[in-house]
Amino acid sequence: MHAARDLLLARVSDPPTIREVASAVGTNDFALKRQFKAVFGKPVHAYLLAVRLAQACSLLRDSADSIKQIAGAVGYVHANHFSAAFRRAYGLSPARYRAAMRGSGTRIT
């Protein structure tokens, strides 16, 4: 399962399908999903989403890139989909998160 995770992490902005990951690590879709959750505590999709949003937090904090550029960098085609996922995860829009990080010097995550 660590090889599956490594493959996902190597392609965060353009993730492989579950079938591609399963094939690459020598298992099937069902077994990959079950074993991945057992090892990492989250389903494959939820794990990947958490990684992408954590990367977005770093970019929002540490770069001057636009929200749209950051959305693209972490694999979102549409910035509004990224903003909605970010708000669900952190309770703030990406713009408010960035303002809070730059204004207070403290970290929310």
Protein backbone atom coordinates (compact mmCIF):
# COMPACT_ATOMS: atom_id res chain seq x y z
CA MET A 1 0.00 0.00 0.00
CA HIS A 2 2.95 2.30 0.47
CA ALA A 3 3.75 1.92 -3.22
CA ALA A 4 0.16 2.90 -4.03
CA ARG A 5 0.46 5.95 -1.79
CA ASP A 6 3.78 6.89 -3.38
CA LEU A 7 2.22 6.69 -6.83
CA LEU A 8 -0.65 8.93 -5.74
CA LEU A 9 1.73 11.44 -4.16
CA ALA A 10 3.90 11.54 -7.28
CA ARG A 11 0.86 12.49 -9.35
CA VAL A 12 -1.18 14.66 -6.99
CA SER A 13 -2.09 17.27 -9.59
CA ASP A 14 -3.03 14.59 -12.16
CA PRO A 15 -3.89 11.49 -10.13
CA PRO A 16 -4.13 8.05 -11.67
CA THR A 17 -7.39 6.13 -11.56
CA ILE A 18 -8.00 3.51 -8.88
CA ARG A 19 -7.66 0.86 -11.58
CA GLU A 20 -4.27 2.27 -12.68
CA VAL A 21 -2.99 2.31 -9.10
CA ALA A 22 -4.28 -1.20 -8.43
CA SER A 23 -2.64 -2.52 -11.57
CA ALA A 24 0.65 -0.77 -10.77
CA VAL A 25 0.83 -2.40 -7.34
CA GLY A 26 -0.40 -5.80 -8.47
CA THR A 27 -3.88 -5.96 -6.99
CA ASN A 28 -7.48 -5.25 -7.97
CA ASP A 29 -9.68 -2.23 -7.32
CA PHE A 30 -11.60 -3.73 -4.42
CA ALA A 31 -8.52 -5.01 -2.60
CA LEU A 32 -6.70 -1.71 -3.11
CA LYS A 33 -9.56 0.28 -1.62
CA ARG A 34 -9.93 -2.05 1.36
CA GLN A 35 -6.21 -2.37 2.11
CA PHE A 36 -5.47 1.33 1.56
CA LYS A 37 -8.10 2.32 4.11
CA ALA A 38 -6.80 -0.28 6.57
CA VAL A 39 -3.24 1.05 6.30
CA PHE A 40 -3.84 4.81 6.05
CA GLY A 41 -7.18 5.20 7.83
CA LYS A 42 -8.91 6.89 4.89
CA PRO A 43 -10.28 5.81 1.54
CA VAL A 44 -7.99 6.54 -1.42
CA HIS A 45 -10.03 9.52 -2.60
CA ALA A 46 -10.23 11.11 0.87
CA TYR A 47 -6.50 10.64 1.39
CA LEU A 48 -5.71 12.27 -1.95
CA LEU A 49 -8.10 15.15 -1.24
CA ALA A 50 -6.45 15.79 2.13
CA VAL A 51 -3.00 15.84 0.50
CA ARG A 52 -4.12 18.20 -2.24
CA LEU A 53 -5.73 20.60 0.21
CA ALA A 54 -2.69 20.52 2.51
CA GLN A 55 -0.53 21.47 -0.47
CA ALA A 56 -2.98 24.26 -1.27
CA CYS A 57 -2.63 25.57 2.29
CA SER A 58 1.13 25.76 1.86
CA LEU A 59 0.79 27.56 -1.47
CA LEU A 60 -1.76 30.00 -0.09
CA ARG A 61 0.53 30.76 2.84
CA ASP A 62 3.84 30.90 1.03
CA SER A 63 3.22 32.07 -2.53
CA ALA A 64 1.75 35.05 -4.32
CA ASP A 65 0.04 32.79 -6.89
CA SER A 66 -3.61 33.48 -7.59
CA ILE A 67 -6.31 31.18 -6.23
CA LYS A 68 -6.87 29.96 -9.80
CA GLN A 69 -3.16 29.11 -10.21
CA ILE A 70 -3.12 27.28 -6.88
CA ALA A 71 -6.27 25.37 -7.81
CA GLY A 72 -4.56 24.22 -11.01
CA ALA A 73 -1.35 23.35 -9.20
CA VAL A 74 -3.17 20.94 -6.88
CA GLY A 75 -5.20 19.36 -9.67
CA TYR A 76 -8.44 21.30 -9.93
CA VAL A 77 -9.61 22.36 -13.38
CA HIS A 78 -12.14 24.82 -11.98
CA ALA A 79 -11.21 27.25 -9.21
CA ASN A 80 -14.78 27.25 -7.88
CA HIS A 81 -14.61 23.47 -7.29
CA PHE A 82 -11.34 23.98 -5.44
CA SER A 83 -12.83 26.79 -3.35
CA ALA A 84 -15.85 24.68 -2.41
CA ALA A 85 -13.66 21.71 -1.38
CA PHE A 86 -11.35 24.00 0.57
CA ARG A 87 -14.27 25.62 2.40
CA ARG A 88 -15.74 22.20 3.29
CA ALA A 89 -12.41 21.06 4.69
CA TYR A 90 -11.30 24.20 6.54
CA GLY A 91 -14.40 26.30 7.05
CA LEU A 92 -12.88 29.27 5.21
CA SER A 93 -12.57 30.28 1.60
CA PRO A 94 -9.03 30.11 0.20
CA ALA A 95 -8.91 33.92 0.09
CA ARG A 96 -9.92 34.25 3.75
CA TYR A 97 -7.47 31.54 4.73
CA ARG A 98 -4.68 33.41 2.93
CA ALA A 99 -5.67 36.70 4.59
CA ALA A 100 -5.76 35.05 8.01
CA MET A 101 -2.34 33.47 7.51
CA ARG A 102 -0.76 36.68 6.32
CA GLY A 103 -2.49 38.93 8.81
CA SER A 104 -1.94 37.07 12.04
CA GLY A 105 1.21 35.07 11.45
CA THR A 106 -0.45 32.03 13.03
CA ARG A 107 -1.41 28.81 11.34
CA ILE A 108 -4.95 27.50 11.12
CA THR A 109 -4.16 23.95 10.00
